């Protein structure tokens, strides 16, 4: 895995290239802190049918992320699955707006890179909470042939649910998930490296609060799902007592400092706008505080009381 970011750049050296990433006239190379390191001219820019990302990877060398306005789905897929390079599509006008977008995305990734061990220990320390959440998710998980967890993390939810594939931008988290026999692809929720209608079930377990663009994320999930496929979005409900507890600790905590908590109504609205029909909603952690939960809790239909809510949607 490389350590630099490449942005597709127009001939003026500033504007984002509107065409395919592979025929960009220039590649602007930034370091992980957002500093412009150099610009490289693309010798393949005149090949209007160029669609070989390996040539660009070899040309640029030591690149971890490709940022572009346009990139073919097959290219994104090959970058992730074969070359181990993440890609993200942006609507930015210039390279500095694009790199700032990426740096915002990266804030939450960095937390999990730094605190991987602490994240893993949380599930062992708070077993009753974890089991409560997992039992509810199992009840909402529909039968599938091929499933994906977006933001699979270390695989704490995917593994017991039988999900064998995941997208994860954090290298350290992905390494743990792989140890749990999950095939992990490097990438971002907003630009999934898959073809249309590949999966029949998609899970986002406490992921939507960490993504830069939740609407774009849900539209991408809709794209890769087969017709009548299911999406399960699990959240810490902002309007619940436990959600308010998280909000109170947000500024002091490490994991949720840059997170955006949503209410169940907000997520339902986003799902419907992304082309899903909300089929079921379950809730658990029916307490006023996480401190009160010392044994696994039951779950129930609806929302408004539970701190942890699962929303099952169907692709229309």
C-alpha atoms as a PDB file:
ATOM      1  CA  UNK A   1       0.000   0.000   0.000  1.00  0.00           C
ATOM      2  CA  UNK A   2       1.376   3.405  -1.007  1.00  0.00           C
ATOM      3  CA  UNK A   3       1.522   6.585   0.988  1.00  0.00           C
ATOM      4  CA  UNK A   4       0.509   9.304  -1.503  1.00  0.00           C
ATOM      5  CA  UNK A   5      -2.717  10.567  -3.089  1.00  0.00           C
ATOM      6  CA  UNK A   6      -3.084  11.139  -6.835  1.00  0.00           C
ATOM      7  CA  UNK A   7      -5.675  13.586  -8.171  1.00  0.00           C
ATOM      8  CA  UNK A   8      -6.742  13.696 -11.832  1.00  0.00           C
ATOM      9  CA  UNK A   9      -5.806  17.194 -13.000  1.00  0.00           C
ATOM     10  CA  UNK A  10      -6.530  19.225 -16.149  1.00  0.00           C
ATOM     11  CA  UNK A  11      -3.868  20.887 -18.313  1.00  0.00           C
ATOM     12  CA  UNK A  12      -3.909  24.083 -16.237  1.00  0.00           C
ATOM     13  CA  UNK A  13      -2.474  22.146 -13.288  1.00  0.00           C
ATOM     14  CA  UNK A  14      -5.276  23.274 -10.960  1.00  0.00           C
ATOM     15  CA  UNK A  15      -8.689  22.169 -12.195  1.00  0.00           C
ATOM     16  CA  UNK A  16     -10.097  18.677 -11.717  1.00  0.00           C
ATOM     17  CA  UNK A  17     -10.054  16.692 -14.956  1.00  0.00           C
ATOM     18  CA  UNK A  18     -13.596  16.048 -16.200  1.00  0.00           C
ATOM     19  CA  UNK A  19     -12.782  12.909 -18.163  1.00  0.00           C
ATOM     20  CA  UNK A  20     -11.724   9.406 -17.150  1.00  0.00           C
ATOM     21  CA  UNK A  21      -8.941   9.221 -14.589  1.00  0.00           C
ATOM     22  CA  UNK A  22      -6.775   7.085 -16.881  1.00  0.00           C
ATOM     23  CA  UNK A  23      -6.465   9.803 -19.550  1.00  0.00           C
ATOM     24  CA  UNK A  24      -5.985  12.743 -17.211  1.00  0.00           C
ATOM     25  CA  UNK A  25      -3.332  15.121 -18.645  1.00  0.00           C
ATOM     26  CA  UNK A  26      -1.658  15.558 -15.260  1.00  0.00           C
ATOM     27  CA  UNK A  27      -1.632  13.779 -11.909  1.00  0.00           C
ATOM     28  CA  UNK A  28      -1.202  15.976  -8.843  1.00  0.00           C
ATOM     29  CA  UNK A  29       0.515  14.039  -6.069  1.00  0.00           C
ATOM     30  CA  UNK A  30      -0.260  14.981  -2.455  1.00  0.00           C
ATOM     31  CA  UNK A  31       1.051  13.545   0.785  1.00  0.00           C
ATOM     32  CA  UNK A  32      -1.283  12.288   3.533  1.00  0.00           C
ATOM     33  CA  UNK A  33      -1.237  15.723   5.177  1.00  0.00           C
ATOM     34  CA  UNK A  34      -2.599  17.440   2.077  1.00  0.00           C
ATOM     35  CA  UNK A  35       0.650  18.971   0.821  1.00  0.00           C
ATOM     36  CA  UNK A  36       1.272  19.074  -2.929  1.00  0.00           C
ATOM     37  CA  UNK A  37       4.464  17.090  -3.573  1.00  0.00           C
ATOM     38  CA  UNK A  38       4.725  17.107  -7.375  1.00  0.00           C
ATOM     39  CA  UNK A  39       2.794  16.937 -10.636  1.00  0.00           C
ATOM     40  CA  UNK A  40       3.355  14.206 -13.222  1.00  0.00           C
ATOM     41  CA  UNK A  41       2.378  14.395 -16.879  1.00  0.00           C
ATOM     42  CA  UNK A  42       0.444  11.391 -18.148  1.00  0.00           C
ATOM     43  CA  UNK A  43       2.072   9.772 -21.229  1.00  0.00           C
ATOM     44  CA  UNK A  44      -1.186   7.865 -21.849  1.00  0.00           C
ATOM     45  CA  UNK A  45      -3.418  10.949 -21.980  1.00  0.00           C
ATOM     46  CA  UNK A  46      -3.884  10.758 -25.765  1.00  0.00           C
ATOM     47  CA  UNK A  47      -5.233   7.205 -25.588  1.00  0.00           C
ATOM     48  CA  UNK A  48      -8.945   7.968 -25.471  1.00  0.00           C
ATOM     49  CA  UNK A  49      -9.848   4.318 -24.853  1.00  0.00           C
ATOM     50  CA  UNK A  50      -7.272   3.795 -22.120  1.00  0.00           C
ATOM     51  CA  UNK A  51      -8.663   1.728 -19.262  1.00  0.00           C
ATOM     52  CA  UNK A  52      -5.667   0.002 -17.700  1.00  0.00           C
ATOM     53  CA  UNK A  53      -5.266   1.249 -14.121  1.00  0.00           C
ATOM     54  CA  UNK A  54      -2.161  -0.883 -13.579  1.00  0.00           C
ATOM     55  CA  UNK A  55      -0.245   1.338 -16.043  1.00  0.00           C
ATOM     56  CA  UNK A  56      -1.124   4.418 -14.008  1.00  0.00           C
ATOM     57  CA  UNK A  57      -0.300   2.700 -10.712  1.00  0.00           C
ATOM     58  CA  UNK A  58       3.130   1.778 -12.072  1.00  0.00           C
ATOM     59  CA  UNK A  59       3.633   5.252 -13.504  1.00  0.00           C
ATOM     60  CA  UNK A  60       2.850   7.077 -10.282  1.00  0.00           C
ATOM     61  CA  UNK A  61       4.282   4.536  -7.818  1.00  0.00           C
ATOM     62  CA  UNK A  62       3.641   4.537  -4.057  1.00  0.00           C
ATOM     63  CA  UNK A  63       0.003   5.728  -4.393  1.00  0.00           C
ATOM     64  CA  UNK A  64      -2.678   4.695  -1.894  1.00  0.00           C
ATOM     65  CA  UNK A  65      -5.655   6.716  -3.167  1.00  0.00           C
ATOM     66  CA  UNK A  66      -6.887   7.893  -6.577  1.00  0.00           C
ATOM     67  CA  UNK A  67      -9.210  10.908  -6.558  1.00  0.00           C
ATOM     68  CA  UNK A  68     -11.181  11.825  -9.667  1.00  0.00           C
ATOM     69  CA  UNK A  69     -14.414  13.263 -10.990  1.00  0.00           C
ATOM     70  CA  UNK A  70     -14.936  10.283 -13.302  1.00  0.00           C
ATOM     71  CA  UNK A  71     -13.660   6.726 -13.222  1.00  0.00           C
ATOM     72  CA  UNK A  72     -15.131   3.579 -14.738  1.00  0.00           C
ATOM     73  CA  UNK A  73     -16.610   0.968 -12.417  1.00  0.00           C
ATOM     74  CA  UNK A  74     -14.304  -1.681 -13.834  1.00  0.00           C
ATOM     75  CA  UNK A  75     -11.272   0.505 -13.153  1.00  0.00           C
ATOM     76  CA  UNK A  76     -12.351   1.111  -9.572  1.00  0.00           C
ATOM     77  CA  UNK A  77     -12.918  -2.602  -9.136  1.00  0.00           C
ATOM     78  CA  UNK A  78      -9.497  -3.529 -10.523  1.00  0.00           C
ATOM     79  CA  UNK A  79      -7.779  -0.881  -8.414  1.00  0.00           C
ATOM     80  CA  UNK A  80      -9.273  -2.274  -5.209  1.00  0.00           C
ATOM     81  CA  UNK A  81      -9.303  -5.997  -5.893  1.00  0.00           C
ATOM     82  CA  UNK A  82      -6.091  -6.427  -7.885  1.00  0.00           C
ATOM     83  CA  UNK A  83      -3.891  -3.435  -7.085  1.00  0.00           C
ATOM     84  CA  UNK A  84      -4.936  -2.606  -3.516  1.00  0.00           C
ATOM     85  CA  UNK A  85      -5.536   1.080  -4.306  1.00  0.00           C
ATOM     86  CA  UNK A  86      -8.523   3.009  -2.956  1.00  0.00           C
ATOM     87  CA  UNK A  87     -10.464   5.412  -5.182  1.00  0.00           C
ATOM     88  CA  UNK A  88     -12.975   8.123  -4.463  1.00  0.00           C
ATOM     89  CA  UNK A  89     -15.054  10.275  -6.802  1.00  0.00           C
ATOM     90  CA  UNK A  90     -15.574  13.961  -6.004  1.00  0.00           C
ATOM     91  CA  UNK A  91     -17.511  16.884  -7.449  1.00  0.00           C
ATOM     92  CA  UNK A  92     -14.757  19.340  -6.599  1.00  0.00           C
ATOM     93  CA  UNK A  93     -13.728  22.103  -9.015  1.00  0.00           C
ATOM     94  CA  UNK A  94     -10.010  22.170  -8.272  1.00  0.00           C
ATOM     95  CA  UNK A  95      -7.345  19.916  -6.769  1.00  0.00           C
ATOM     96  CA  UNK A  96      -7.271  21.731  -3.432  1.00  0.00           C
ATOM     97  CA  UNK A  97     -10.999  21.377  -2.920  1.00  0.00           C
ATOM     98  CA  UNK A  98     -10.595  17.692  -3.768  1.00  0.00           C
ATOM     99  CA  UNK A  99      -7.753  17.078  -1.321  1.00  0.00           C
ATOM    100  CA  UNK A 100      -9.676  18.880   1.431  1.00  0.00           C
ATOM    101  CA  UNK A 101     -12.653  16.594   0.777  1.00  0.00           C
ATOM    102  CA  UNK A 102     -10.367  13.591   1.167  1.00  0.00           C
ATOM    103  CA  UNK A 103      -8.832  14.961   4.379  1.00  0.00           C
ATOM    104  CA  UNK A 104     -12.336  15.258   5.846  1.00  0.00           C
ATOM    105  CA  UNK A 105     -13.026  11.642   4.892  1.00  0.00           C
ATOM    106  CA  UNK A 106      -9.694  10.616   6.382  1.00  0.00           C
ATOM    107  CA  UNK A 107     -10.373  12.077   9.852  1.00  0.00           C
ATOM    108  CA  UNK A 108     -12.522   9.144  10.948  1.00  0.00           C
ATOM    109  CA  UNK A 109     -10.212   6.613   9.293  1.00  0.00           C
ATOM    110  CA  UNK A 110      -7.228   7.921  11.255  1.00  0.00           C
ATOM    111  CA  UNK A 111      -9.062   7.374  14.548  1.00  0.00           C
ATOM    112  CA  UNK A 112      -9.469   3.667  13.826  1.00  0.00           C
ATOM    113  CA  UNK A 113      -5.877   3.382  12.646  1.00  0.00           C
ATOM    114  CA  UNK A 114      -4.640   4.824  15.953  1.00  0.00           C
ATOM    115  CA  UNK A 115      -7.089   3.077  18.271  1.00  0.00           C
ATOM    116  CA  UNK A 116      -7.556  -0.381  16.752  1.00  0.00           C
ATOM    117  CA  UNK A 117      -6.746  -2.221  19.975  1.00  0.00           C
ATOM    118  CA  UNK A 118      -9.059  -0.022  22.018  1.00  0.00           C
ATOM    119  CA  UNK A 119     -11.853  -0.645  19.508  1.00  0.00           C
ATOM    120  CA  UNK A 120     -11.417  -4.412  19.767  1.00  0.00           C
ATOM    121  CA  UNK A 121     -11.278  -4.312  23.558  1.00  0.00           C
ATOM    122  CA  UNK A 122     -14.600  -2.435  23.698  1.00  0.00           C
ATOM    123  CA  UNK A 123     -16.508  -5.502  22.452  1.00  0.00           C
ATOM    124  CA  UNK A 124     -14.940  -7.694  25.130  1.00  0.00           C
ATOM    125  CA  UNK A 125     -15.453  -5.137  27.879  1.00  0.00           C
ATOM    126  CA  UNK A 126     -19.107  -4.468  26.999  1.00  0.00           C
ATOM    127  CA  UNK A 127     -20.239  -7.957  26.026  1.00  0.00           C
ATOM    128  CA  UNK A 128     -23.851  -7.406  27.086  1.00  0.00           C
ATOM    129  CA  UNK A 129     -24.195  -4.370  24.808  1.00  0.00           C
ATOM    130  CA  UNK A 130     -22.482  -6.142  21.922  1.00  0.00           C
ATOM    131  CA  UNK A 131     -24.672  -9.246  22.275  1.00  0.00           C
ATOM    132  CA  UNK A 132     -27.803  -7.105  22.443  1.00  0.00           C
ATOM    133  CA  UNK A 133     -26.856  -5.341  19.214  1.00  0.00           C
ATOM    134  CA  UNK A 134     -25.806  -8.536  17.472  1.00  0.00           C
ATOM    135  CA  UNK A 135     -28.984 -10.441  18.389  1.00  0.00           C
ATOM    136  CA  UNK A 136     -31.111  -7.659  16.930  1.00  0.00           C
ATOM    137  CA  UNK A 137     -29.061  -7.560  13.723  1.00  0.00           C
ATOM    138  CA  UNK A 138     -29.373 -11.337  13.341  1.00  0.00           C
ATOM    139  CA  UNK A 139     -33.157 -10.992  13.521  1.00  0.00           C
ATOM    140  CA  UNK A 140     -33.118  -8.362  10.763  1.00  0.00           C
ATOM    141  CA  UNK A 141     -30.602 -10.059   8.472  1.00  0.00           C
ATOM    142  CA  UNK A 142     -32.351 -11.605   5.490  1.00  0.00           C
ATOM    143  CA  UNK A 143     -31.223 -14.673   3.559  1.00  0.00           C
ATOM    144  CA  UNK A 144     -28.517 -13.912   1.035  1.00  0.00           C
ATOM    145  CA  UNK A 145     -26.297 -15.510  -1.550  1.00  0.00           C
ATOM    146  CA  UNK A 146     -23.693 -12.763  -1.521  1.00  0.00           C
ATOM    147  CA  UNK A 147     -23.460 -10.032   1.113  1.00  0.00           C
ATOM    148  CA  UNK A 148     -21.229  -7.041   1.819  1.00  0.00           C
ATOM    149  CA  UNK A 149     -20.610  -4.973   4.919  1.00  0.00           C
ATOM    150  CA  UNK A 150     -19.726  -1.366   4.146  1.00  0.00           C
ATOM    151  CA  UNK A 151     -17.296  -0.210   6.811  1.00  0.00           C
ATOM    152  CA  UNK A 152     -16.616  -3.764   7.945  1.00  0.00           C
ATOM    153  CA  UNK A 153     -14.049  -2.635  10.519  1.00  0.00           C
ATOM    154  CA  UNK A 154     -12.525  -5.626  12.271  1.00  0.00           C
ATOM    155  CA  UNK A 155     -15.438  -7.881  11.294  1.00  0.00           C
ATOM    156  CA  UNK A 156     -17.165  -7.910  14.672  1.00  0.00           C
ATOM    157  CA  UNK A 157     -20.600  -7.862  13.018  1.00  0.00           C
ATOM    158  CA  UNK A 158     -19.886  -9.388   9.618  1.00  0.00           C
ATOM    159  CA  UNK A 159     -18.304 -12.575  10.947  1.00  0.00           C
ATOM    160  CA  UNK A 160     -21.148 -13.770  13.223  1.00  0.00           C
ATOM    161  CA  UNK A 161     -23.716 -12.744  10.589  1.00  0.00           C
ATOM    162  CA  UNK A 162     -22.017 -14.895   7.945  1.00  0.00           C
ATOM    163  CA  UNK A 163     -20.990 -11.952   5.748  1.00  0.00           C
ATOM    164  CA  UNK A 164     -17.797 -12.867   3.915  1.00  0.00           C
ATOM    165  CA  UNK A 165     -16.966  -9.596   2.134  1.00  0.00           C
ATOM    166  CA  UNK A 166     -16.383  -6.060   3.326  1.00  0.00           C
ATOM    167  CA  UNK A 167     -15.189  -2.584   2.346  1.00  0.00           C
ATOM    168  CA  UNK A 168     -12.815  -0.920   4.793  1.00  0.00           C
ATOM    169  CA  UNK A 169     -10.506   2.108   4.367  1.00  0.00           C
ATOM    170  CA  UNK A 170      -8.529   1.443   7.585  1.00  0.00           C
ATOM    171  CA  UNK A 171      -5.573  -0.862   6.943  1.00  0.00           C
ATOM    172  CA  UNK A 172      -5.242  -2.008  10.559  1.00  0.00           C
ATOM    173  CA  UNK A 173      -8.937  -2.759  10.940  1.00  0.00           C
ATOM    174  CA  UNK A 174      -8.960  -4.654   7.644  1.00  0.00           C
ATOM    175  CA  UNK A 175      -6.060  -6.830   8.817  1.00  0.00           C
ATOM    176  CA  UNK A 176      -8.112  -8.032  11.800  1.00  0.00           C
ATOM    177  CA  UNK A 177     -11.190  -8.654   9.631  1.00  0.00           C
ATOM    178  CA  UNK A 178      -9.079 -10.774   7.290  1.00  0.00           C
ATOM    179  CA  UNK A 179      -8.055 -12.895  10.275  1.00  0.00           C
ATOM    180  CA  UNK A 180     -11.782 -13.543  10.745  1.00  0.00           C
ATOM    181  CA  UNK A 181     -11.890 -15.003   7.229  1.00  0.00           C
ATOM    182  CA  UNK A 182     -13.504 -11.933   5.640  1.00  0.00           C
ATOM    183  CA  UNK A 183     -12.379 -10.794   2.210  1.00  0.00           C
ATOM    184  CA  UNK A 184     -11.742  -7.083   2.621  1.00  0.00           C
ATOM    185  CA  UNK A 185     -11.434  -4.606  -0.238  1.00  0.00           C
ATOM    186  CA  UNK A 186      -9.751  -1.218   0.276  1.00  0.00           C
ATOM    187  CA  UNK A 187     -12.135   1.602  -0.507  1.00  0.00           C
ATOM    188  CA  UNK A 188     -14.651   4.181   0.611  1.00  0.00           C
ATOM    189  CA  UNK A 189     -18.384   3.901   1.186  1.00  0.00           C
ATOM    190  CA  UNK A 190     -19.087   6.772  -1.209  1.00  0.00           C
ATOM    191  CA  UNK A 191     -17.344   5.101  -4.194  1.00  0.00           C
ATOM    192  CA  UNK A 192     -17.740   1.330  -3.993  1.00  0.00           C
ATOM    193  CA  UNK A 193     -15.433  -0.718  -6.259  1.00  0.00           C
ATOM    194  CA  UNK A 194     -18.146  -3.069  -7.543  1.00  0.00           C
ATOM    195  CA  UNK A 195     -20.315  -3.514 -10.600  1.00  0.00           C
ATOM    196  CA  UNK A 196     -24.068  -2.866 -10.538  1.00  0.00           C
ATOM    197  CA  UNK A 197     -26.339  -5.423  -8.828  1.00  0.00           C
ATOM    198  CA  UNK A 198     -23.633  -7.734  -7.458  1.00  0.00           C
ATOM    199  CA  UNK A 199     -25.064  -8.295  -3.963  1.00  0.00           C
ATOM    200  CA  UNK A 200     -28.396  -9.247  -2.437  1.00  0.00           C
ATOM    201  CA  UNK A 201     -27.647  -7.963   1.086  1.00  0.00           C
ATOM    202  CA  UNK A 202     -25.677  -4.945   2.347  1.00  0.00           C
ATOM    203  CA  UNK A 203     -24.959  -4.070   5.965  1.00  0.00           C
ATOM    204  CA  UNK A 204     -23.916  -0.715   7.434  1.00  0.00           C
ATOM    205  CA  UNK A 205     -23.493  -1.265  11.175  1.00  0.00           C
ATOM    206  CA  UNK A 206     -22.747   2.049  12.911  1.00  0.00           C
ATOM    207  CA  UNK A 207     -21.043   3.224   9.720  1.00  0.00           C
ATOM    208  CA  UNK A 208     -23.363   5.908   8.382  1.00  0.00           C
ATOM    209  CA  UNK A 209     -22.307   8.304  11.149  1.00  0.00           C
ATOM    210  CA  UNK A 210     -18.674   8.118  10.027  1.00  0.00           C
ATOM    211  CA  UNK A 211     -18.981   8.638   6.265  1.00  0.00           C
ATOM    212  CA  UNK A 212     -18.419  12.014   4.636  1.00  0.00           C
ATOM    213  CA  UNK A 213     -21.509  11.763   2.413  1.00  0.00           C
ATOM    214  CA  UNK A 214     -24.275   9.480   3.775  1.00  0.00           C
ATOM    215  CA  UNK A 215     -26.658  10.109   0.861  1.00  0.00           C
ATOM    216  CA  UNK A 216     -24.015   9.195  -1.714  1.00  0.00           C
ATOM    217  CA  UNK A 217     -23.155   6.134   0.379  1.00  0.00           C
ATOM    218  CA  UNK A 218     -26.745   4.867   0.348  1.00  0.00           C
ATOM    219  CA  UNK A 219     -27.049   5.495  -3.389  1.00  0.00           C
ATOM    220  CA  UNK A 220     -23.899   3.445  -3.939  1.00  0.00           C
ATOM    221  CA  UNK A 221     -25.372   0.650  -1.797  1.00  0.00           C
ATOM    222  CA  UNK A 222     -28.525   0.834  -3.916  1.00  0.00           C
ATOM    223  CA  UNK A 223     -26.446   0.565  -7.105  1.00  0.00           C
ATOM    224  CA  UNK A 224     -24.596  -2.608  -6.091  1.00  0.00           C
ATOM    225  CA  UNK A 225     -27.714  -4.343  -4.754  1.00  0.00           C
ATOM    226  CA  UNK A 226     -29.848  -6.582  -6.917  1.00  0.00           C
ATOM    227  CA  UNK A 227     -33.506  -5.686  -7.373  1.00  0.00           C
ATOM    228  CA  UNK A 228     -35.443  -6.543  -4.199  1.00  0.00           C
ATOM    229  CA  UNK A 229     -32.120  -6.842  -2.374  1.00  0.00           C
ATOM    230  CA  UNK A 230     -31.936  -5.731   1.247  1.00  0.00           C
ATOM    231  CA  UNK A 231     -29.961  -3.088   3.094  1.00  0.00           C
ATOM    232  CA  UNK A 232     -29.631  -3.053   6.884  1.00  0.00           C
ATOM    233  CA  UNK A 233     -28.529   0.225   8.440  1.00  0.00           C
ATOM    234  CA  UNK A 234     -27.792   0.184  12.178  1.00  0.00           C
ATOM    235  CA  UNK A 235     -27.344   3.441  14.071  1.00  0.00           C
ATOM    236  CA  UNK A 236     -27.051   4.959  17.495  1.00  0.00           C
ATOM    237  CA  UNK A 237     -30.304   6.940  17.450  1.00  0.00           C
ATOM    238  CA  UNK A 238     -29.523  10.567  18.238  1.00  0.00           C
ATOM    239  CA  UNK A 239     -32.958  11.135  19.779  1.00  0.00           C
ATOM    240  CA  UNK A 240     -32.747   8.250  22.272  1.00  0.00           C
ATOM    241  CA  UNK A 241     -31.426   8.618  25.812  1.00  0.00           C
ATOM    242  CA  UNK A 242     -28.334   6.602  24.959  1.00  0.00           C
ATOM    243  CA  UNK A 243     -27.906   8.644  21.774  1.00  0.00           C
ATOM    244  CA  UNK A 244     -27.938  11.806  23.863  1.00  0.00           C
ATOM    245  CA  UNK A 245     -25.372  10.199  26.145  1.00  0.00           C
ATOM    246  CA  UNK A 246     -23.100   9.643  23.139  1.00  0.00           C
ATOM    247  CA  UNK A 247     -23.625  13.224  22.005  1.00  0.00           C
ATOM    248  CA  UNK A 248     -22.665  14.478  25.461  1.00  0.00           C
ATOM    249  CA  UNK A 249     -19.413  12.501  25.361  1.00  0.00           C
ATOM    250  CA  UNK A 250     -18.743  13.209  21.682  1.00  0.00           C
ATOM    251  CA  UNK A 251     -16.203  15.993  22.096  1.00  0.00           C
ATOM    252  CA  UNK A 252     -14.218  14.124  24.740  1.00  0.00           C
ATOM    253  CA  UNK A 253     -14.256  10.707  23.075  1.00  0.00           C
ATOM    254  CA  UNK A 254     -11.860   9.501  20.385  1.00  0.00           C
ATOM    255  CA  UNK A 255     -14.050   7.427  18.113  1.00  0.00           C
ATOM    256  CA  UNK A 256     -17.059   9.704  17.790  1.00  0.00           C
ATOM    257  CA  UNK A 257     -15.393  13.122  17.835  1.00  0.00           C
ATOM    258  CA  UNK A 258     -15.887  13.626  14.092  1.00  0.00           C
ATOM    259  CA  UNK A 259     -19.000  11.473  13.774  1.00  0.00           C
ATOM    260  CA  UNK A 260     -22.439  12.786  12.815  1.00  0.00           C
ATOM    261  CA  UNK A 261     -25.267  11.112  14.699  1.00  0.00           C
ATOM    262  CA  UNK A 262     -28.633  10.774  12.976  1.00  0.00           C
ATOM    263  CA  UNK A 263     -32.154  10.108  14.154  1.00  0.00           C
ATOM    264  CA  UNK A 264     -34.092   7.125  12.838  1.00  0.00           C
ATOM    265  CA  UNK A 265     -36.403   9.447  10.914  1.00  0.00           C
ATOM    266  CA  UNK A 266     -33.441  11.073   9.170  1.00  0.00           C
ATOM    267  CA  UNK A 267     -31.998   7.721   8.088  1.00  0.00           C
ATOM    268  CA  UNK A 268     -35.393   6.522   6.848  1.00  0.00           C
ATOM    269  CA  UNK A 269     -35.719   9.699   4.792  1.00  0.00           C
ATOM    270  CA  UNK A 270     -32.256   9.199   3.285  1.00  0.00           C
ATOM    271  CA  UNK A 271     -33.015   5.549   2.492  1.00  0.00           C
ATOM    272  CA  UNK A 272     -36.241   6.443   0.736  1.00  0.00           C
ATOM    273  CA  UNK A 273     -34.506   9.155  -1.280  1.00  0.00           C
ATOM    274  CA  UNK A 274     -31.844   6.633  -2.289  1.00  0.00           C
ATOM    275  CA  UNK A 275     -34.509   4.318  -3.733  1.00  0.00           C
ATOM    276  CA  UNK A 276     -35.294   2.015  -0.805  1.00  0.00           C
ATOM    277  CA  UNK A 277     -38.563   1.087   0.846  1.00  0.00           C
ATOM    278  CA  UNK A 278     -38.287   0.799   4.636  1.00  0.00           C
ATOM    279  CA  UNK A 279     -39.595  -2.645   5.596  1.00  0.00           C
ATOM    280  CA  UNK A 280     -38.773  -3.110   9.293  1.00  0.00           C
ATOM    281  CA  UNK A 281     -37.335  -1.164  12.196  1.00  0.00           C
ATOM    282  CA  UNK A 282     -36.122  -2.801  15.409  1.00  0.00           C
ATOM    283  CA  UNK A 283     -34.595  -1.288  18.525  1.00  0.00           C
ATOM    284  CA  UNK A 284     -32.585  -2.466  21.506  1.00  0.00           C
ATOM    285  CA  UNK A 285     -30.527  -1.009  24.386  1.00  0.00           C
ATOM    286  CA  UNK A 286     -33.769   0.072  26.011  1.00  0.00           C
ATOM    287  CA  UNK A 287     -32.125   1.859  28.922  1.00  0.00           C
ATOM    288  CA  UNK A 288     -31.385   5.410  29.937  1.00  0.00           C
ATOM    289  CA  UNK A 289     -27.640   4.782  30.003  1.00  0.00           C
ATOM    290  CA  UNK A 290     -25.089   2.258  28.769  1.00  0.00           C
ATOM    291  CA  UNK A 291     -23.920   1.942  32.374  1.00  0.00           C
ATOM    292  CA  UNK A 292     -27.235   0.267  33.272  1.00  0.00           C
ATOM    293  CA  UNK A 293     -26.769  -2.596  30.788  1.00  0.00           C
ATOM    294  CA  UNK A 294     -25.081  -5.571  32.479  1.00  0.00           C
ATOM    295  CA  UNK A 295     -26.803  -8.392  30.580  1.00  0.00           C
ATOM    296  CA  UNK A 296     -28.058  -8.849  27.003  1.00  0.00           C
ATOM    297  CA  UNK A 297     -31.342  -7.055  26.341  1.00  0.00           C
ATOM    298  CA  UNK A 298     -34.256  -8.058  24.154  1.00  0.00           C
ATOM    299  CA  UNK A 299     -35.195  -6.074  21.069  1.00  0.00           C
ATOM    300  CA  UNK A 300     -38.573  -4.850  19.911  1.00  0.00           C
ATOM    301  CA  UNK A 301     -40.175  -3.373  16.836  1.00  0.00           C
ATOM    302  CA  UNK A 302     -40.230   0.358  16.263  1.00  0.00           C
ATOM    303  CA  UNK A 303     -37.993   3.121  17.535  1.00  0.00           C
ATOM    304  CA  UNK A 304     -37.966   5.994  19.989  1.00  0.00           C
ATOM    305  CA  UNK A 305     -36.836   4.155  23.121  1.00  0.00           C
ATOM    306  CA  UNK A 306     -33.830   2.094  22.079  1.00  0.00           C
ATOM    307  CA  UNK A 307     -30.354   3.540  21.736  1.00  0.00           C
ATOM    308  CA  UNK A 308     -29.449   1.060  18.988  1.00  0.00           C
ATOM    309  CA  UNK A 309     -31.776   0.916  15.983  1.00  0.00           C
ATOM    310  CA  UNK A 310     -31.734  -1.325  12.910  1.00  0.00           C
ATOM    311  CA  UNK A 311     -33.538  -0.226   9.751  1.00  0.00           C
ATOM    312  CA  UNK A 312     -34.161  -2.800   7.033  1.00  0.00           C
ATOM    313  CA  UNK A 313     -34.732  -1.480   3.535  1.00  0.00           C
ATOM    314  CA  UNK A 314     -35.646  -3.123   0.226  1.00  0.00           C
ATOM    315  CA  UNK A 315     -34.325  -1.933  -3.127  1.00  0.00           C
ATOM    316  CA  UNK A 316     -37.287  -0.924  -5.273  1.00  0.00           C
END
